[in-house]
């Protein structure tokens, strides 16, 4: 009789632990999906801000075809970040044009 009670208790404990662990895994999976989605959203926002800044700088100096050193340095840093975020080739065309300026 005691053996049956102990076996039943162990079964209940193991089932409870297993259920708890499954719940934790589901919670971790949901949190991971949330943070991946959040990270993608933030990356897209940052990419948009970088693109807007680079385009603005480009048009500010396009007529004179010359860009101050500090702005050019900043532009290239933005460009590198933009490309690491898998930005499109539109900015590559601007970079090629800026590279041809004095």
PDB file of N, CA and C in Angstrom:
ATOM      1  N   UNK A   1       0.826  -1.199   0.000  1.00  0.00           N
ATOM      2  CA  UNK A   1       0.000   0.000   0.000  1.00  0.00           C
ATOM      3  C   UNK A   1       0.869   1.260   0.000  1.00  0.00           C
ATOM      4  N   UNK A   2       1.868   1.304   0.867  1.00  0.00           N
ATOM      5  CA  UNK A   2       2.770   2.456   0.953  1.00  0.00           C
ATOM      6  C   UNK A   2       3.526   2.647  -0.364  1.00  0.00           C
ATOM      7  N   UNK A   3       3.886   1.510  -0.947  1.00  0.00           N
ATOM      8  CA  UNK A   3       4.603   1.567  -2.234  1.00  0.00           C
ATOM      9  C   UNK A   3       3.723   2.204  -3.310  1.00  0.00           C
ATOM     10  N   UNK A   4       2.457   1.880  -3.318  1.00  0.00           N
ATOM     11  CA  UNK A   4       1.515   2.440  -4.291  1.00  0.00           C
ATOM     12  C   UNK A   4       1.351   3.947  -4.072  1.00  0.00           C
ATOM     13  N   UNK A   5       1.278   4.395  -2.831  1.00  0.00           N
ATOM     14  CA  UNK A   5       1.144   5.815  -2.514  1.00  0.00           C
ATOM     15  C   UNK A   5       2.392   6.568  -2.960  1.00  0.00           C
ATOM     16  N   UNK A   6       3.568   6.012  -2.670  1.00  0.00           N
ATOM     17  CA  UNK A   6       4.841   6.657  -3.060  1.00  0.00           C
ATOM     18  C   UNK A   6       4.933   6.733  -4.579  1.00  0.00           C
ATOM     19  N   UNK A   7       4.587   5.661  -5.272  1.00  0.00           N
ATOM     20  CA  UNK A   7       4.625   5.643  -6.740  1.00  0.00           C
ATOM     21  C   UNK A   7       3.676   6.696  -7.310  1.00  0.00           C
ATOM     22  N   UNK A   8       2.501   6.803  -6.744  1.00  0.00           N
ATOM     23  CA  UNK A   8       1.518   7.799  -7.194  1.00  0.00           C
ATOM     24  C   UNK A   8       2.032   9.208  -6.933  1.00  0.00           C
ATOM     25  N   UNK A   9       2.613   9.444  -5.753  1.00  0.00           N
ATOM     26  CA  UNK A   9       3.166  10.767  -5.437  1.00  0.00           C
ATOM     27  C   UNK A   9       4.295  11.142  -6.384  1.00  0.00           C
ATOM     28  N   UNK A  10       5.180  10.194  -6.625  1.00  0.00           N
ATOM     29  CA  UNK A  10       6.297  10.459  -7.550  1.00  0.00           C
ATOM     30  C   UNK A  10       5.749  10.770  -8.939  1.00  0.00           C
ATOM     31  N   UNK A  11       4.748  10.018  -9.381  1.00  0.00           N
ATOM     32  CA  UNK A  11       4.125  10.276 -10.686  1.00  0.00           C
ATOM     33  C   UNK A  11       3.524  11.669 -10.754  1.00  0.00           C
ATOM     34  N   UNK A  12       2.848  12.060  -9.692  1.00  0.00           N
ATOM     35  CA  UNK A  12       2.247  13.404  -9.649  1.00  0.00           C
ATOM     36  C   UNK A  12       3.319  14.496  -9.657  1.00  0.00           C
ATOM     37  N   UNK A  13       4.367  14.282  -8.889  1.00  0.00           N
ATOM     38  CA  UNK A  13       5.458  15.269  -8.823  1.00  0.00           C
ATOM     39  C   UNK A  13       6.137  15.398 -10.182  1.00  0.00           C
ATOM     40  N   UNK A  14       6.447  14.257 -10.798  1.00  0.00           N
ATOM     41  CA  UNK A  14       7.101  14.278 -12.120  1.00  0.00           C
ATOM     42  C   UNK A  14       6.191  14.954 -13.144  1.00  0.00           C
ATOM     43  N   UNK A  15       4.909  14.628 -13.131  1.00  0.00           N
ATOM     44  CA  UNK A  15       3.960  15.248 -14.059  1.00  0.00           C
ATOM     45  C   UNK A  15       3.883  16.754 -13.823  1.00  0.00           C
ATOM     46  N   UNK A  16       3.852  17.149 -12.554  1.00  0.00           N
ATOM     47  CA  UNK A  16       3.810  18.576 -12.220  1.00  0.00           C
ATOM     48  C   UNK A  16       5.054  19.305 -12.701  1.00  0.00           C
ATOM     49  N   UNK A  17       6.220  18.715 -12.462  1.00  0.00           N
ATOM     50  CA  UNK A  17       7.484  19.319 -12.908  1.00  0.00           C
ATOM     51  C   UNK A  17       7.506  19.407 -14.425  1.00  0.00           C
ATOM     52  N   UNK A  18       7.090  18.336 -15.086  1.00  0.00           N
ATOM     53  CA  UNK A  18       7.070  18.339 -16.551  1.00  0.00           C
ATOM     54  C   UNK A  18       6.130  19.425 -17.079  1.00  0.00           C
ATOM     55  N   UNK A  19       4.950  19.531 -16.500  1.00  0.00           N
ATOM     56  CA  UNK A  19       4.000  20.573 -16.913  1.00  0.00           C
ATOM     57  C   UNK A  19       4.564  21.963 -16.702  1.00  0.00           C
ATOM     58  N   UNK A  20       5.223  22.154 -15.563  1.00  0.00           N
ATOM     59  CA  UNK A  20       5.853  23.443 -15.263  1.00  0.00           C
ATOM     60  C   UNK A  20       6.925  23.780 -16.305  1.00  0.00           C
ATOM     61  N   UNK A  21       7.772  22.791 -16.615  1.00  0.00           N
ATOM     62  CA  UNK A  21       8.840  23.022 -17.598  1.00  0.00           C
ATOM     63  C   UNK A  21       8.288  23.308 -18.993  1.00  0.00           C
ATOM     64  N   UNK A  22       7.238  22.608 -19.379  1.00  0.00           N
ATOM     65  CA  UNK A  22       6.612  22.866 -20.688  1.00  0.00           C
ATOM     66  C   UNK A  22       6.063  24.287 -20.726  1.00  0.00           C
ATOM     67  N   UNK A  23       5.431  24.707 -19.641  1.00  0.00           N
ATOM     68  CA  UNK A  23       4.919  26.083 -19.564  1.00  0.00           C
ATOM     69  C   UNK A  23       6.034  27.104 -19.669  1.00  0.00           C
ATOM     70  N   UNK A  24       7.156  26.842 -18.995  1.00  0.00           N
ATOM     71  CA  UNK A  24       8.307  27.759 -19.056  1.00  0.00           C
ATOM     72  C   UNK A  24       8.869  27.831 -20.476  1.00  0.00           C
ATOM     73  N   UNK A  25       8.975  26.693 -21.140  1.00  0.00           N
ATOM     74  CA  UNK A  25       9.489  26.664 -22.514  1.00  0.00           C
ATOM     75  C   UNK A  25       8.581  27.479 -23.430  1.00  0.00           C
ATOM     76  N   UNK A  26       7.270  27.340 -23.269  1.00  0.00           N
ATOM     77  CA  UNK A  26       6.323  28.120 -24.088  1.00  0.00           C
ATOM     78  C   UNK A  26       6.477  29.611 -23.816  1.00  0.00           C
ATOM     79  N   UNK A  27       6.644  29.971 -22.537  1.00  0.00           N
ATOM     80  CA  UNK A  27       6.821  31.378 -22.180  1.00  0.00           C
ATOM     81  C   UNK A  27       8.102  31.930 -22.797  1.00  0.00           C
ATOM     82  N   UNK A  28       9.176  31.173 -22.700  1.00  0.00           N
ATOM     83  CA  UNK A  28      10.462  31.612 -23.264  1.00  0.00           C
ATOM     84  C   UNK A  28      10.346  31.744 -24.781  1.00  0.00           C
ATOM     85  N   UNK A  29       9.655  30.798 -25.422  1.00  0.00           N
ATOM     86  CA  UNK A  29       9.472  30.858 -26.878  1.00  0.00           C
ATOM     87  C   UNK A  29       8.685  32.110 -27.268  1.00  0.00           C
ATOM     88  N   UNK A  30       7.615  32.393 -26.530  1.00  0.00           N
ATOM     89  CA  UNK A  30       6.808  33.583 -26.825  1.00  0.00           C
ATOM     90  C   UNK A  30       7.612  34.861 -26.617  1.00  0.00           C
ATOM     91  N   UNK A  31       8.405  34.914 -25.549  1.00  0.00           N
ATOM     92  CA  UNK A  31       9.241  36.087 -25.295  1.00  0.00           C
ATOM     93  C   UNK A  31      10.284  36.252 -26.399  1.00  0.00           C
ATOM     94  N   UNK A  32      10.872  35.155 -26.828  1.00  0.00           N
ATOM     95  CA  UNK A  32      11.869  35.210 -27.900  1.00  0.00           C
ATOM     96  C   UNK A  32      11.242  35.771 -29.176  1.00  0.00           C
ATOM     97  N   UNK A  33      10.057  35.267 -29.531  1.00  0.00           N
ATOM     98  CA  UNK A  33       9.368  35.761 -30.729  1.00  0.00           C
ATOM     99  C   UNK A  33       9.056  37.248 -30.606  1.00  0.00           C
ATOM    100  N   UNK A  34       8.625  37.671 -29.415  1.00  0.00           N
ATOM    101  CA  UNK A  34       8.326  39.078 -29.186  1.00  0.00           C
ATOM    102  C   UNK A  34       9.579  39.930 -29.385  1.00  0.00           C
ATOM    103  N   UNK A  35      10.697  39.525 -28.781  1.00  0.00           N
ATOM    104  CA  UNK A  35      11.920  40.314 -28.870  1.00  0.00           C
ATOM    105  C   UNK A  35      12.514  40.302 -30.279  1.00  0.00           C
ATOM    106  N   UNK A  36      12.365  39.198 -30.991  1.00  0.00           N
ATOM    107  CA  UNK A  36      12.829  39.169 -32.386  1.00  0.00           C
ATOM    108  C   UNK A  36      12.022  40.151 -33.237  1.00  0.00           C
ATOM    109  N   UNK A  37      10.704  40.164 -33.022  1.00  0.00           N
ATOM    110  CA  UNK A  37       9.846  41.091 -33.766  1.00  0.00           C
ATOM    111  C   UNK A  37      10.176  42.535 -33.389  1.00  0.00           C
ATOM    112  N   UNK A  38      10.370  42.778 -32.101  1.00  0.00           N
ATOM    113  CA  UNK A  38      10.708  44.115 -31.611  1.00  0.00           C
ATOM    114  C   UNK A  38      12.051  44.575 -32.184  1.00  0.00           C
ATOM    115  N   UNK A  39      13.014  43.664 -32.220  1.00  0.00           N
ATOM    116  CA  UNK A  39      14.331  43.978 -32.760  1.00  0.00           C
ATOM    117  C   UNK A  39      14.233  44.330 -34.240  1.00  0.00           C
ATOM    118  N   UNK A  40      13.424  43.591 -34.983  1.00  0.00           N
ATOM    119  CA  UNK A  40      13.258  43.876 -36.410  1.00  0.00           C
ATOM    120  C   UNK A  40      12.622  45.253 -36.605  1.00  0.00           C
ATOM    121  N   UNK A  41      11.625  45.564 -35.798  1.00  0.00           N
ATOM    122  CA  UNK A  41      10.961  46.869 -35.882  1.00  0.00           C
ATOM    123  C   UNK A  41      11.950  47.996 -35.600  1.00  0.00           C
ATOM    124  N   UNK A  42      12.756  47.820 -34.564  1.00  0.00           N
ATOM    125  CA  UNK A  42      13.744  48.843 -34.220  1.00  0.00           C
ATOM    126  C   UNK A  42      14.802  48.984 -35.306  1.00  0.00           C
ATOM    127  N   UNK A  43      15.227  47.872 -35.886  1.00  0.00           N
ATOM    128  CA  UNK A  43      16.206  47.923 -36.974  1.00  0.00           C
ATOM    129  C   UNK A  43      15.663  48.686 -38.174  1.00  0.00           C
ATOM    130  N   UNK A  44      14.411  48.436 -38.503  1.00  0.00           N
ATOM    131  CA  UNK A  44      13.792  49.148 -39.625  1.00  0.00           C
ATOM    132  C   UNK A  44      13.684  50.643 -39.335  1.00  0.00           C
ATOM    133  N   UNK A  45      13.349  50.984 -38.097  1.00  0.00           N
ATOM    134  CA  UNK A  45      13.257  52.402 -37.722  1.00  0.00           C
ATOM    135  C   UNK A  45      14.618  53.075 -37.805  1.00  0.00           C
ATOM    136  N   UNK A  46      15.635  52.417 -37.299  1.00  0.00           N
ATOM    137  CA  UNK A  46      16.989  52.971 -37.354  1.00  0.00           C
ATOM    138  C   UNK A  46      17.435  53.122 -38.804  1.00  0.00           C
ATOM    139  N   UNK A  47      17.146  52.121 -39.610  1.00  0.00           N
ATOM    140  CA  UNK A  47      17.512  52.179 -41.031  1.00  0.00           C
ATOM    141  C   UNK A  47      16.836  53.367 -41.710  1.00  0.00           C
ATOM    142  N   UNK A  48      15.586  53.615 -41.395  1.00  0.00           N
ATOM    143  CA  UNK A  48      14.865  54.749 -41.976  1.00  0.00           C
ATOM    144  C   UNK A  48      15.480  56.076 -41.550  1.00  0.00           C
ATOM    145  N   UNK A  49      15.843  56.179 -40.286  1.00  0.00           N
ATOM    146  CA  UNK A  49      16.485  57.409 -39.798  1.00  0.00           C
ATOM    147  C   UNK A  49      17.841  57.639 -40.459  1.00  0.00           C
ATOM    148  N   UNK A  50      18.615  56.578 -40.598  1.00  0.00           N
ATOM    149  CA  UNK A  50      19.914  56.710 -41.267  1.00  0.00           C
ATOM    150  C   UNK A  50      19.728  57.151 -42.715  1.00  0.00           C
ATOM    151  N   UNK A  51      18.790  56.516 -43.404  1.00  0.00           N
ATOM    152  CA  UNK A  51      18.541  56.856 -44.811  1.00  0.00           C
ATOM    153  C   UNK A  51      18.108  58.316 -44.938  1.00  0.00           C
ATOM    154  N   UNK A  52      17.223  58.765 -44.075  1.00  0.00           N
ATOM    155  CA  UNK A  52      16.748  60.155 -44.124  1.00  0.00           C
ATOM    156  C   UNK A  52      17.897  61.126 -43.890  1.00  0.00           C
ATOM    157  N   UNK A  53      18.745  60.812 -42.936  1.00  0.00           N
ATOM    158  CA  UNK A  53      19.884  61.682 -42.644  1.00  0.00           C
ATOM    159  C   UNK A  53      20.853  61.734 -43.824  1.00  0.00           C
ATOM    160  N   UNK A  54      21.148  60.581 -44.408  1.00  0.00           N
ATOM    161  CA  UNK A  54      22.091  60.541 -45.540  1.00  0.00           C
ATOM    162  C   UNK A  54      21.535  61.262 -46.762  1.00  0.00           C
ATOM    163  N   UNK A  55      20.256  61.071 -47.027  1.00  0.00           N
ATOM    164  CA  UNK A  55      19.636  61.743 -48.175  1.00  0.00           C
ATOM    165  C   UNK A  55      19.634  63.254 -47.951  1.00  0.00           C
ATOM    166  N   UNK A  56      19.331  63.670 -46.755  1.00  0.00           N
ATOM    167  CA  UNK A  56      19.329  65.097 -46.428  1.00  0.00           C
ATOM    168  C   UNK A  56      20.711  65.714 -46.641  1.00  0.00           C
ATOM    169  N   UNK A  57      21.731  65.041 -46.133  1.00  0.00           N
ATOM    170  CA  UNK A  57      23.102  65.539 -46.312  1.00  0.00           C
ATOM    171  C   UNK A  57      23.470  65.572 -47.787  1.00  0.00           C
ATOM    172  N   UNK A  58      23.096  64.540 -48.505  1.00  0.00           N
ATOM    173  CA  UNK A  58      23.389  64.483 -49.936  1.00  0.00           C
ATOM    174  C   UNK A  58      22.788  65.694 -50.653  1.00  0.00           C
ATOM    175  N   UNK A  59      21.501  65.961 -50.455  1.00  0.00           N
ATOM    176  CA  UNK A  59      20.850  67.067 -51.162  1.00  0.00           C
ATOM    177  C   UNK A  59      21.352  68.436 -50.689  1.00  0.00           C
ATOM    178  N   UNK A  60      21.801  68.522 -49.446  1.00  0.00           N
ATOM    179  CA  UNK A  60      22.335  69.781 -48.945  1.00  0.00           C
ATOM    180  C   UNK A  60      23.601  70.190 -49.721  1.00  0.00           C
ATOM    181  N   UNK A  61      24.387  69.217 -50.170  1.00  0.00           N
ATOM    182  CA  UNK A  61      25.663  69.521 -50.821  1.00  0.00           C
ATOM    183  C   UNK A  61      25.696  69.141 -52.303  1.00  0.00           C
ATOM    184  N   UNK A  62      24.604  68.671 -52.821  1.00  0.00           N
ATOM    185  CA  UNK A  62      24.577  68.203 -54.208  1.00  0.00           C
ATOM    186  C   UNK A  62      24.938  69.303 -55.212  1.00  0.00           C
ATOM    187  N   UNK A  63      24.394  70.511 -55.041  1.00  0.00           N
ATOM    188  CA  UNK A  63      24.642  71.582 -56.019  1.00  0.00           C
ATOM    189  C   UNK A  63      26.115  71.974 -56.077  1.00  0.00           C
ATOM    190  N   UNK A  64      26.761  72.046 -54.938  1.00  0.00           N
ATOM    191  CA  UNK A  64      28.173  72.471 -54.921  1.00  0.00           C
ATOM    192  C   UNK A  64      29.122  71.293 -55.143  1.00  0.00           C
ATOM    193  N   UNK A  65      28.565  70.069 -55.073  1.00  0.00           N
ATOM    194  CA  UNK A  65      29.346  68.851 -55.291  1.00  0.00           C
ATOM    195  C   UNK A  65      30.598  68.807 -54.405  1.00  0.00           C
ATOM    196  N   UNK A  66      30.395  69.237 -53.186  1.00  0.00           N
ATOM    197  CA  UNK A  66      31.484  69.239 -52.220  1.00  0.00           C
ATOM    198  C   UNK A  66      30.867  69.113 -50.833  1.00  0.00           C
ATOM    199  N   UNK A  67      31.496  68.329 -49.989  1.00  0.00           N
ATOM    200  CA  UNK A  67      30.957  68.083 -48.665  1.00  0.00           C
ATOM    201  C   UNK A  67      32.084  68.262 -47.640  1.00  0.00           C
ATOM    202  N   UNK A  68      31.839  68.996 -46.572  1.00  0.00           N
ATOM    203  CA  UNK A  68      32.877  69.183 -45.558  1.00  0.00           C
ATOM    204  C   UNK A  68      33.348  67.835 -44.989  1.00  0.00           C
ATOM    205  N   UNK A  69      34.599  67.810 -44.613  1.00  0.00           N
ATOM    206  CA  UNK A  69      35.220  66.570 -44.143  1.00  0.00           C
ATOM    207  C   UNK A  69      34.429  65.918 -43.010  1.00  0.00           C
ATOM    208  N   UNK A  70      34.078  66.698 -41.986  1.00  0.00           N
ATOM    209  CA  UNK A  70      33.385  66.118 -40.827  1.00  0.00           C
ATOM    210  C   UNK A  70      32.024  65.545 -41.216  1.00  0.00           C
ATOM    211  N   UNK A  71      31.345  66.181 -42.158  1.00  0.00           N
ATOM    212  CA  UNK A  71      30.043  65.668 -42.610  1.00  0.00           C
ATOM    213  C   UNK A  71      30.227  64.406 -43.447  1.00  0.00           C
ATOM    214  N   UNK A  72      31.285  64.420 -44.252  1.00  0.00           N
ATOM    215  CA  UNK A  72      31.547  63.248 -45.082  1.00  0.00           C
ATOM    216  C   UNK A  72      31.888  62.047 -44.198  1.00  0.00           C
ATOM    217  N   UNK A  73      32.691  62.281 -43.170  1.00  0.00           N
ATOM    218  CA  UNK A  73      33.046  61.226 -42.214  1.00  0.00           C
ATOM    219  C   UNK A  73      31.784  60.668 -41.565  1.00  0.00           C
ATOM    220  N   UNK A  74      30.918  61.537 -41.122  1.00  0.00           N
ATOM    221  CA  UNK A  74      29.667  61.131 -40.495  1.00  0.00           C
ATOM    222  C   UNK A  74      28.791  60.372 -41.488  1.00  0.00           C
ATOM    223  N   UNK A  75      28.755  60.841 -42.714  1.00  0.00           N
ATOM    224  CA  UNK A  75      27.950  60.207 -43.752  1.00  0.00           C
ATOM    225  C   UNK A  75      28.417  58.772 -43.986  1.00  0.00           C
ATOM    226  N   UNK A  76      29.734  58.582 -44.054  1.00  0.00           N
ATOM    227  CA  UNK A  76      30.271  57.240 -44.279  1.00  0.00           C
ATOM    228  C   UNK A  76      30.001  56.310 -43.093  1.00  0.00           C
ATOM    229  N   UNK A  77      30.031  56.839 -41.886  1.00  0.00           N
ATOM    230  CA  UNK A  77      29.693  56.020 -40.716  1.00  0.00           C
ATOM    231  C   UNK A  77      28.222  55.600 -40.765  1.00  0.00           C
ATOM    232  N   UNK A  78      27.370  56.533 -41.153  1.00  0.00           N
ATOM    233  CA  UNK A  78      25.955  56.204 -41.309  1.00  0.00           C
ATOM    234  C   UNK A  78      25.771  55.164 -42.417  1.00  0.00           C
ATOM    235  N   UNK A  79      26.504  55.335 -43.491  1.00  0.00           N
ATOM    236  CA  UNK A  79      26.420  54.407 -44.620  1.00  0.00           C
ATOM    237  C   UNK A  79      26.790  52.980 -44.187  1.00  0.00           C
ATOM    238  N   UNK A  80      27.881  52.857 -43.442  1.00  0.00           N
ATOM    239  CA  UNK A  80      28.320  51.535 -42.980  1.00  0.00           C
ATOM    240  C   UNK A  80      27.244  50.894 -42.097  1.00  0.00           C
ATOM    241  N   UNK A  81      26.677  51.663 -41.197  1.00  0.00           N
ATOM    242  CA  UNK A  81      25.616  51.138 -40.331  1.00  0.00           C
ATOM    243  C   UNK A  81      24.396  50.741 -41.153  1.00  0.00           C
ATOM    244  N   UNK A  82      24.045  51.574 -42.105  1.00  0.00           N
ATOM    245  CA  UNK A  82      22.901  51.312 -42.968  1.00  0.00           C
ATOM    246  C   UNK A  82      23.079  49.992 -43.726  1.00  0.00           C
ATOM    247  N   UNK A  83      24.271  49.779 -44.247  1.00  0.00           N
ATOM    248  CA  UNK A  83      24.531  48.556 -45.000  1.00  0.00           C
ATOM    249  C   UNK A  83      24.528  47.333 -44.085  1.00  0.00           C
ATOM    250  N   UNK A  84      25.015  47.481 -42.857  1.00  0.00           N
ATOM    251  CA  UNK A  84      24.978  46.358 -41.909  1.00  0.00           C
ATOM    252  C   UNK A  84      23.550  45.976 -41.558  1.00  0.00           C
ATOM    253  N   UNK A  85      22.652  46.948 -41.639  1.00  0.00           N
ATOM    254  CA  UNK A  85      21.236  46.684 -41.391  1.00  0.00           C
ATOM    255  C   UNK A  85      20.521  46.215 -42.659  1.00  0.00           C
ATOM    256  N   UNK A  86      21.313  45.907 -43.691  1.00  0.00           N
ATOM    257  CA  UNK A  86      20.803  45.414 -44.981  1.00  0.00           C
ATOM    258  C   UNK A  86      19.957  46.454 -45.705  1.00  0.00           C
ATOM    259  N   UNK A  87      20.455  47.693 -45.681  1.00  0.00           N
ATOM    260  CA  UNK A  87      19.798  48.765 -46.414  1.00  0.00           C
ATOM    261  C   UNK A  87      19.897  48.538 -47.913  1.00  0.00           C
ATOM    262  N   UNK A  88      18.985  49.141 -48.669  1.00  0.00           N
ATOM    263  CA  UNK A  88      18.921  48.889 -50.106  1.00  0.00           C
ATOM    264  C   UNK A  88      20.011  49.619 -50.889  1.00  0.00           C
ATOM    265  N   UNK A  89      20.053  49.355 -52.181  1.00  0.00           N
ATOM    266  CA  UNK A  89      21.125  49.885 -53.028  1.00  0.00           C
ATOM    267  C   UNK A  89      20.915  51.336 -53.434  1.00  0.00           C
ATOM    268  N   UNK A  90      19.766  51.918 -53.150  1.00  0.00           N
ATOM    269  CA  UNK A  90      19.525  53.328 -53.465  1.00  0.00           C
ATOM    270  C   UNK A  90      20.634  54.194 -52.866  1.00  0.00           C
ATOM    271  N   UNK A  91      21.021  53.914 -51.649  1.00  0.00           N
ATOM    272  CA  UNK A  91      22.062  54.687 -50.974  1.00  0.00           C
ATOM    273  C   UNK A  91      23.424  54.446 -51.626  1.00  0.00           C
ATOM    274  N   UNK A  92      23.620  53.262 -52.225  1.00  0.00           N
ATOM    275  CA  UNK A  92      24.876  52.996 -52.935  1.00  0.00           C
ATOM    276  C   UNK A  92      25.078  53.992 -54.072  1.00  0.00           C
ATOM    277  N   UNK A  93      23.995  54.333 -54.755  1.00  0.00           N
ATOM    278  CA  UNK A  93      24.085  55.313 -55.846  1.00  0.00           C
ATOM    279  C   UNK A  93      24.515  56.679 -55.311  1.00  0.00           C
ATOM    280  N   UNK A  94      23.955  57.073 -54.167  1.00  0.00           N
ATOM    281  CA  UNK A  94      24.367  58.347 -53.564  1.00  0.00           C
ATOM    282  C   UNK A  94      25.830  58.296 -53.133  1.00  0.00           C
ATOM    283  N   UNK A  95      26.234  57.182 -52.575  1.00  0.00           N
ATOM    284  CA  UNK A  95      27.633  57.033 -52.141  1.00  0.00           C
ATOM    285  C   UNK A  95      28.576  57.164 -53.338  1.00  0.00           C
ATOM    286  N   UNK A  96      28.235  56.510 -54.433  1.00  0.00           N
ATOM    287  CA  UNK A  96      29.082  56.590 -55.622  1.00  0.00           C
ATOM    288  C   UNK A  96      29.209  58.026 -56.116  1.00  0.00           C
ATOM    289  N   UNK A  97      28.112  58.756 -56.050  1.00  0.00           N
ATOM    290  CA  UNK A  97      28.163  60.158 -56.481  1.00  0.00           C
ATOM    291  C   UNK A  97      29.000  60.995 -55.508  1.00  0.00           C
ATOM    292  N   UNK A  98      28.795  60.795 -54.214  1.00  0.00           N
ATOM    293  CA  UNK A  98      29.583  61.536 -53.215  1.00  0.00           C
ATOM    294  C   UNK A  98      31.069  61.220 -53.359  1.00  0.00           C
ATOM    295  N   UNK A  99      31.374  59.967 -53.659  1.00  0.00           N
ATOM    296  CA  UNK A  99      32.786  59.571 -53.857  1.00  0.00           C
ATOM    297  C   UNK A  99      33.427  60.346 -55.002  1.00  0.00           C
ATOM    298  N   UNK A 100      32.634  60.744 -55.983  1.00  0.00           N
ATOM    299  CA  UNK A 100      33.192  61.470 -57.140  1.00  0.00           C
ATOM    300  C   UNK A 100      33.368  62.956 -56.878  1.00  0.00           C
ATOM    301  N   UNK A 101      32.807  63.458 -55.779  1.00  0.00           N
ATOM    302  CA  UNK A 101      32.965  64.878 -55.449  1.00  0.00           C
ATOM    303  C   UNK A 101      34.378  65.133 -54.971  1.00  0.00           C
ATOM    304  N   UNK A 102      34.792  66.419 -55.031  1.00  0.00           N
ATOM    305  CA  UNK A 102      36.144  66.799 -54.619  1.00  0.00           C
ATOM    306  C   UNK A 102      36.442  66.463 -53.207  1.00  0.00           C
TER     307      UNK A 102
END
